[in-house]
Protein backbone atom coordinates (compact mmCIF):
# COMPACT_ATOMS: atom_id res chain seq x y z
CA ARG A 1 0.00 0.00 0.00
CA PRO A 2 2.26 2.82 -1.18
CA ASP A 3 1.61 6.52 -0.57
CA LEU A 4 2.52 8.54 -3.66
CA GLU A 5 3.20 12.28 -3.54
CA LEU A 6 4.20 12.76 -7.22
CA GLY A 7 5.99 16.00 -6.36
CA ILE A 8 2.70 17.84 -5.71
CA PRO A 9 2.64 18.91 -2.02
CA ASP A 10 -1.15 19.07 -1.71
CA LEU A 11 -1.84 15.77 -3.48
CA VAL A 12 -1.69 12.39 -1.76
CA ILE A 13 -2.49 9.11 -3.52
CA VAL A 14 -2.88 5.83 -1.65
CA ALA A 15 -3.09 2.59 -3.63
CA GLY A 16 -3.32 -0.94 -2.37
CA ALA A 17 -4.53 -4.44 -3.05
CA ARG A 18 -5.09 -7.65 -1.16
CA LEU A 19 -5.63 -11.33 -1.85
CA ASP A 20 -8.14 -13.36 0.12
CA TRP A 21 -9.27 -16.96 -0.02
CA ASN A 22 -12.99 -17.48 0.49
CA SER A 23 -13.47 -20.97 1.89
CA ARG A 24 -17.25 -20.89 1.44
CA PHE A 25 -17.09 -20.37 -2.32
CA GLU A 26 -13.52 -21.67 -2.73
CA ARG A 27 -12.41 -18.58 -4.62
CA LEU A 28 -9.28 -16.47 -4.60
CA LEU A 29 -10.33 -12.83 -4.37
CA PHE A 30 -8.19 -9.96 -5.65
CA THR A 31 -9.32 -6.62 -4.21
CA PRO A 32 -7.56 -3.48 -5.48
CA ARG A 33 -8.36 -0.02 -4.13
CA ALA A 34 -7.03 3.49 -4.64
CA SER A 35 -7.79 6.88 -3.15
CA ALA A 36 -6.56 10.40 -3.73
CA LYS A 37 -6.80 13.60 -1.70
CA TYR A 38 -6.11 17.09 -2.96
CA SER A 39 -6.19 20.21 -0.77
CA PHE A 40 -7.03 23.38 -2.68
CA SER A 41 -6.57 25.15 0.66
CA GLN A 42 -6.81 24.34 4.36
CA ASN A 43 -10.60 24.69 4.12
CA SER A 44 -11.23 23.16 0.70
CA ILE A 45 -10.52 19.47 0.08
CA VAL A 46 -11.52 16.98 -2.60
CA ARG A 47 -11.20 13.21 -2.27
CA LEU A 48 -11.51 10.49 -4.91
CA SER A 49 -11.72 6.74 -4.42
CA ALA A 50 -12.21 3.62 -6.50
CA GLY A 51 -12.06 -0.04 -5.71
CA ARG A 52 -13.38 -3.53 -6.06
CA GLY A 53 -15.26 -5.54 -3.48
CA TYR A 54 -16.86 -8.92 -2.85
CA ARG A 55 -19.63 -10.02 -0.53
CA SER A 56 -20.84 -13.45 0.54
CA PRO A 57 -24.65 -13.43 0.75
CA ASN A 58 -26.49 -14.41 3.92
CA VAL A 59 -29.96 -14.00 2.51
CA ILE A 60 -32.04 -14.89 5.58
CA ALA A 61 -30.16 -12.68 8.04
CA GLU A 62 -30.02 -9.80 5.56
CA ASN A 63 -33.74 -9.99 4.71
CA ILE A 64 -35.24 -10.84 8.07
CA SER A 65 -38.32 -8.71 7.30
CA LEU A 66 -39.41 -11.32 4.75
CA LEU A 67 -40.21 -13.65 7.64
CA ALA A 68 -43.09 -11.32 8.56
CA SER A 69 -45.12 -12.91 5.78
CA ASN A 70 -46.31 -16.31 4.58
CA ARG A 71 -44.36 -16.11 1.34
CA SER A 72 -42.13 -19.06 0.58
CA LEU A 73 -38.49 -18.41 -0.25
CA ASP A 74 -37.15 -19.74 -3.55
CA ILE A 75 -33.37 -19.39 -3.23
CA ALA A 76 -31.31 -20.26 -6.29
CA ALA A 77 -29.27 -23.40 -5.71
CA ASP A 78 -26.24 -21.87 -7.41
CA LEU A 79 -26.39 -18.55 -5.56
CA GLY A 80 -22.94 -17.00 -5.84
CA MET A 81 -20.92 -14.14 -4.43
CA GLU A 82 -21.60 -10.52 -5.24
CA GLU A 83 -18.87 -8.51 -6.92
CA ALA A 84 -18.86 -4.74 -7.36
CA TRP A 85 -16.75 -1.81 -8.46
CA ASN A 86 -17.25 1.39 -6.48
CA TYR A 87 -16.25 4.93 -7.42
CA GLY A 88 -16.60 7.95 -5.17
CA LEU A 89 -15.97 11.67 -4.89
CA ASN A 90 -16.14 13.87 -1.79
CA PHE A 91 -15.78 17.63 -1.68
CA THR A 92 -15.64 19.51 1.63
CA GLN A 93 -15.61 23.28 2.05
CA ASN A 94 -15.35 25.13 5.35
CA LEU A 95 -16.04 28.86 5.26
CA HIS A 96 -17.23 31.92 7.17
CA LEU A 97 -20.49 33.70 6.38
CA ALA A 98 -21.27 36.97 8.13
CA GLY A 99 -18.60 36.12 10.67
CA ARG A 100 -20.11 32.74 11.53
CA GLU A 101 -18.74 29.25 10.79
CA ALA A 102 -20.30 27.23 7.98
CA SER A 103 -19.49 24.08 6.05
CA PHE A 104 -20.62 22.33 2.89
CA SER A 105 -19.95 18.81 1.70
CA LEU A 106 -20.88 16.89 -1.42
CA ASP A 107 -20.60 13.11 -1.86
CA LEU A 108 -21.06 11.31 -5.17
CA TYR A 109 -20.87 7.52 -5.42
CA ARG A 110 -21.41 4.97 -8.16
CA THR A 111 -21.44 1.20 -7.66
CA ASP A 112 -21.57 -1.27 -10.55
CA PHE A 113 -22.58 -4.76 -9.45
CA MET A 114 -21.67 -8.02 -11.10
CA GLU A 115 -23.95 -10.93 -10.20
CA GLN A 116 -25.75 -8.93 -7.54
CA VAL A 117 -27.98 -11.01 -5.27
CA LEU A 118 -31.51 -9.79 -6.00
CA VAL A 119 -34.50 -10.31 -3.72
CA ASP A 120 -37.36 -10.43 -6.23
CA VAL A 121 -40.65 -9.64 -4.47
CA ASP A 122 -42.43 -8.62 -7.69
CA ARG A 123 -42.80 -11.89 -9.59
CA SER A 124 -45.26 -13.60 -7.25
CA PRO A 125 -47.38 -12.45 -4.27
CA THR A 126 -46.84 -15.77 -2.49
CA GLN A 127 -43.15 -16.40 -3.23
CA VAL A 128 -39.87 -14.54 -3.00
CA PHE A 129 -37.22 -15.42 -5.57
CA ILE A 130 -33.58 -14.84 -4.66
CA TYR A 131 -31.01 -15.13 -7.42
CA ASN A 132 -27.94 -13.54 -8.97
CA VAL A 133 -28.67 -10.80 -11.48
CA ASP A 134 -27.76 -11.62 -15.07
CA GLY A 135 -27.53 -8.12 -16.46
CA LYS A 136 -27.01 -4.51 -15.48
CA SER A 137 -27.23 -3.59 -11.81
CA PHE A 138 -26.05 -0.34 -10.29
CA SER A 139 -26.44 2.25 -7.56
CA ASN A 140 -25.91 6.00 -7.89
CA SER A 141 -26.08 8.27 -4.87
CA LEU A 142 -25.58 11.94 -4.11
CA LEU A 143 -25.47 13.49 -0.65
CA ALA A 144 -25.26 17.25 -0.12
CA THR A 145 -24.93 18.66 3.41
CA ALA A 146 -24.74 22.25 4.60
CA GLN A 147 -24.26 23.42 8.18
CA TYR A 148 -24.32 26.98 9.54
CA ASN A 149 -23.85 28.47 12.98
CA VAL A 150 -26.61 31.10 12.75
CA LEU A 151 -26.17 32.48 16.28
CA PRO A 152 -23.98 31.52 19.23
CA GLY A 153 -25.22 28.08 20.25
CA LEU A 154 -27.67 27.76 17.33
CA ASP A 155 -26.74 25.43 14.46
CA VAL A 156 -28.77 24.71 11.35
CA LYS A 157 -28.13 21.65 9.21
CA LEU A 158 -29.64 20.90 5.81
CA ALA A 159 -29.13 17.63 3.97
CA TYR A 160 -30.39 16.17 0.71
CA LYS A 161 -29.85 12.64 -0.59
CA TRP A 162 -30.61 11.27 -4.05
CA ASN A 163 -30.59 7.53 -4.76
CA ASP A 164 -30.90 5.75 -8.08
CA VAL A 165 -30.79 2.00 -7.43
CA ARG A 166 -31.74 -0.34 -10.26
CA SER A 167 -31.34 -4.01 -11.18
CA THR A 168 -32.20 -6.25 -14.10
CA TYR A 169 -34.92 -8.73 -13.10
CA SER A 170 -35.36 -12.27 -14.40
CA ASP A 171 -37.64 -11.01 -17.19
CA GLY A 172 -34.82 -8.82 -18.51
CA VAL A 173 -36.38 -5.52 -17.39
CA LEU A 174 -34.24 -2.96 -15.57
CA ARG A 175 -36.30 -1.75 -12.59
CA THR A 176 -35.87 0.54 -9.61
CA LEU A 177 -35.61 -1.55 -6.45
CA PRO A 178 -38.75 -1.43 -4.29
CA LEU A 179 -39.00 0.49 -1.02
CA VAL A 180 -36.06 2.75 -1.90
CA ALA A 181 -36.80 6.48 -1.79
CA LYS A 182 -35.17 8.37 -4.64
CA HIS A 183 -35.23 11.64 -2.71
CA ARG A 184 -34.69 12.32 0.99
CA GLY A 185 -34.26 15.55 2.90
CA LEU A 186 -33.36 16.54 6.45
CA VAL A 187 -33.57 19.84 8.34
CA THR A 188 -32.11 20.01 11.85
CA LEU A 189 -32.07 22.87 14.36
CA ASP A 190 -29.90 22.52 17.44
CA TYR A 191 -29.58 25.12 20.22
CA THR A 192 -27.44 24.97 23.35
CA THR A 193 -27.70 27.68 26.00
CA PRO A 194 -24.55 29.65 26.92
CA ASP A 195 -24.21 27.80 30.23
CA LYS A 196 -24.33 24.44 28.34
CA ARG A 197 -27.10 23.14 30.61
CA TRP A 198 -30.03 23.18 28.19
CA ASN A 199 -30.13 21.69 24.71
CA PHE A 200 -33.05 21.94 22.28
CA ASN A 201 -33.10 19.84 19.13
CA THR A 202 -35.72 19.48 16.42
CA ARG A 203 -35.57 17.84 13.02
CA VAL A 204 -37.80 17.25 10.04
CA GLN A 205 -37.13 14.34 7.71
CA VAL A 206 -38.77 14.27 4.28
CA VAL A 207 -39.00 10.94 2.46
CA GLY A 208 -39.75 10.88 -1.25
CA ALA A 209 -41.93 8.46 -3.18
CA GLN A 210 -40.92 4.78 -3.17
CA ARG A 211 -41.82 2.11 -5.69
CA LEU A 212 -43.93 -0.53 -3.97
CA PRO A 213 -43.75 -4.23 -4.86
CA ASP A 214 -46.15 -5.36 -7.58
CA ASN A 215 -49.39 -6.48 -5.89
CA ALA A 216 -51.43 -6.88 -9.07
CA LEU A 217 -51.95 -10.61 -8.40
CA VAL A 218 -53.07 -10.10 -4.79
CA PRO A 219 -56.88 -10.33 -4.37
CA HIS A 220 -58.32 -6.84 -4.23
CA GLU A 221 -59.96 -7.32 -0.84
CA TYR A 222 -56.51 -7.72 0.74
CA THR A 223 -54.68 -4.79 -0.80
CA HIS A 224 -56.86 -1.86 0.35
CA ASP A 225 -56.13 -0.13 -2.98
CA PHE A 226 -52.38 -0.18 -2.44
CA PRO A 227 -50.87 2.31 -4.90
CA SER A 228 -47.85 1.54 -7.04
CA MET A 229 -45.90 4.37 -5.37
CA SER A 230 -45.89 5.56 -1.78
CA PRO A 231 -46.68 9.24 -1.13
CA VAL A 232 -44.10 11.81 -0.15
CA TYR A 233 -44.23 12.33 3.61
CA GLY A 234 -42.42 14.06 6.45
CA VAL A 235 -41.63 13.11 10.04
CA TRP A 236 -41.07 15.75 12.72
CA SER A 237 -39.18 14.93 15.92
CA GLY A 238 -37.77 16.93 18.81
CA GLN A 239 -35.94 16.64 22.12
CA VAL A 240 -35.11 18.84 25.11
CA SER A 241 -32.35 17.87 27.54
CA ARG A 242 -31.09 19.39 30.81
CA LYS A 243 -27.73 18.72 32.43
CA PHE A 244 -27.27 18.63 36.19
CA GLY A 245 -23.60 18.90 36.99
CA GLN A 246 -21.13 16.77 35.07
CA ASN A 247 -22.75 13.39 35.54
CA LEU A 248 -26.53 13.62 35.15
CA GLU A 249 -28.68 14.56 32.18
CA ILE A 250 -32.48 14.30 31.86
CA TYR A 251 -34.18 14.43 28.47
CA ILE A 252 -37.71 14.40 27.10
CA GLY A 253 -38.72 14.17 23.49
CA GLY A 254 -41.11 12.98 20.87
CA GLU A 255 -40.94 11.20 17.54
CA ASN A 256 -43.32 11.50 14.60
CA LEU A 257 -44.94 14.51 16.26
CA ASN A 258 -46.95 15.24 13.11
CA GLY A 259 -48.52 11.76 13.41
CA PHE A 260 -47.99 10.50 9.86
CA GLN A 261 -48.80 6.79 9.59
CA GLN A 262 -48.95 4.07 6.98
CA HIS A 263 -52.46 2.65 7.17
CA HIS A 264 -53.32 -0.97 6.24
CA ALA A 265 -49.61 -1.79 6.42
CA ILE A 266 -50.24 -5.56 6.56
CA ILE A 267 -51.76 -7.30 3.57
CA ALA A 268 -54.47 -9.81 4.59
CA ALA A 269 -54.01 -8.73 8.21
CA SER A 270 -57.22 -10.46 9.35
CA GLU A 271 -56.15 -13.80 7.83
CA PRO A 272 -52.73 -14.72 9.25
CA ASP A 273 -52.94 -18.18 7.65
CA SER A 274 -53.56 -16.80 4.18
CA PRO A 275 -50.78 -17.31 1.61
CA TYR A 276 -51.14 -13.58 0.88
CA PHE A 277 -50.44 -12.49 4.47
CA ASN A 278 -47.58 -10.01 4.22
CA GLY A 279 -46.23 -7.56 6.76
CA SER A 280 -42.98 -6.78 4.98
CA GLN A 281 -44.10 -3.86 2.80
CA ILE A 282 -43.46 -1.09 5.32
CA TRP A 283 -42.57 2.27 3.79
CA ALA A 284 -43.51 4.71 6.60
CA PRO A 285 -44.08 4.81 10.38
CA ILE A 286 -46.86 2.49 11.54
CA MET A 287 -47.18 4.21 14.92
CA GLY A 288 -48.40 7.75 15.58
CA GLN A 289 -46.84 10.21 17.98
CA VAL A 290 -44.36 8.64 20.40
CA ALA A 291 -43.14 10.42 23.55
CA TYR A 292 -40.20 9.37 25.70
CA LEU A 293 -38.46 10.44 28.90
CA GLY A 294 -35.09 9.30 30.14
CA LEU A 295 -31.86 10.10 31.92
CA ARG A 296 -28.17 9.55 31.39
CA PHE A 297 -25.85 9.06 34.33
CA SER A 298 -22.09 8.88 33.97
CA PRO A 299 -20.20 7.86 37.11
CA ALA A 300 -17.33 10.19 37.94
CA GLY A 301 -14.02 9.07 36.52
CA LEU A 302 -15.51 6.95 33.72
């Protein structure tokens, strides 16, 4: 794993590779990876990375939510390892606006999968097919984050995430994966009093539309007119905490204060023995407002 400077003081390149033997699949795995960092200034940095990776599937543990249904699992007998190439870019900028500290970061990532393990919940309402993709499969993501210290003790954070995750299904069609929101947003306000005893935090998370699994073959009386896409929704949460000395903190808060809920979340909920019973298509909170109260105690010296 050499570090290369190339005679450019603000540029650092790290390249490496490793060999691994996978006893489960009896394969020798070659995993190269490289990263680069360039500092335009002390407050402006760009990072690049690229590499290859492998993953051994553990389909039951990784898809435990599927057990909340009566669907049978059809796992391909020749299910193999996943392989992927990942490419990424990160840009970070720290700055001052009106005499206050601010920061901005941008992350861009692309992953190209080879033989991705796909959990196909679209082909049948009573079965789940798990197999390696024979075709194009990729993930693109963008994350933009901005943070600003508006007033002493008051910080505002804005974040936006874009996801484009698609795979080629067994019928040869390239589809967006279900239950993956293409757009997400987050707004956070955090205030700490000058004496550091009180902290007030509130946040709003916005979740964009998600493609829902194909329920066209489910009897209509079970689906409650399930749409093909979930609606855009927001969740508002907040917390207030108070410190007493150095060791004790009491906090009270609430989640989903706006009370948004997914109704009729379970298909065939009144017939748990039905082959169509399915509680795995959860795309939003299923509980309303939730309040909590607690304390944190840290013994002195720990």
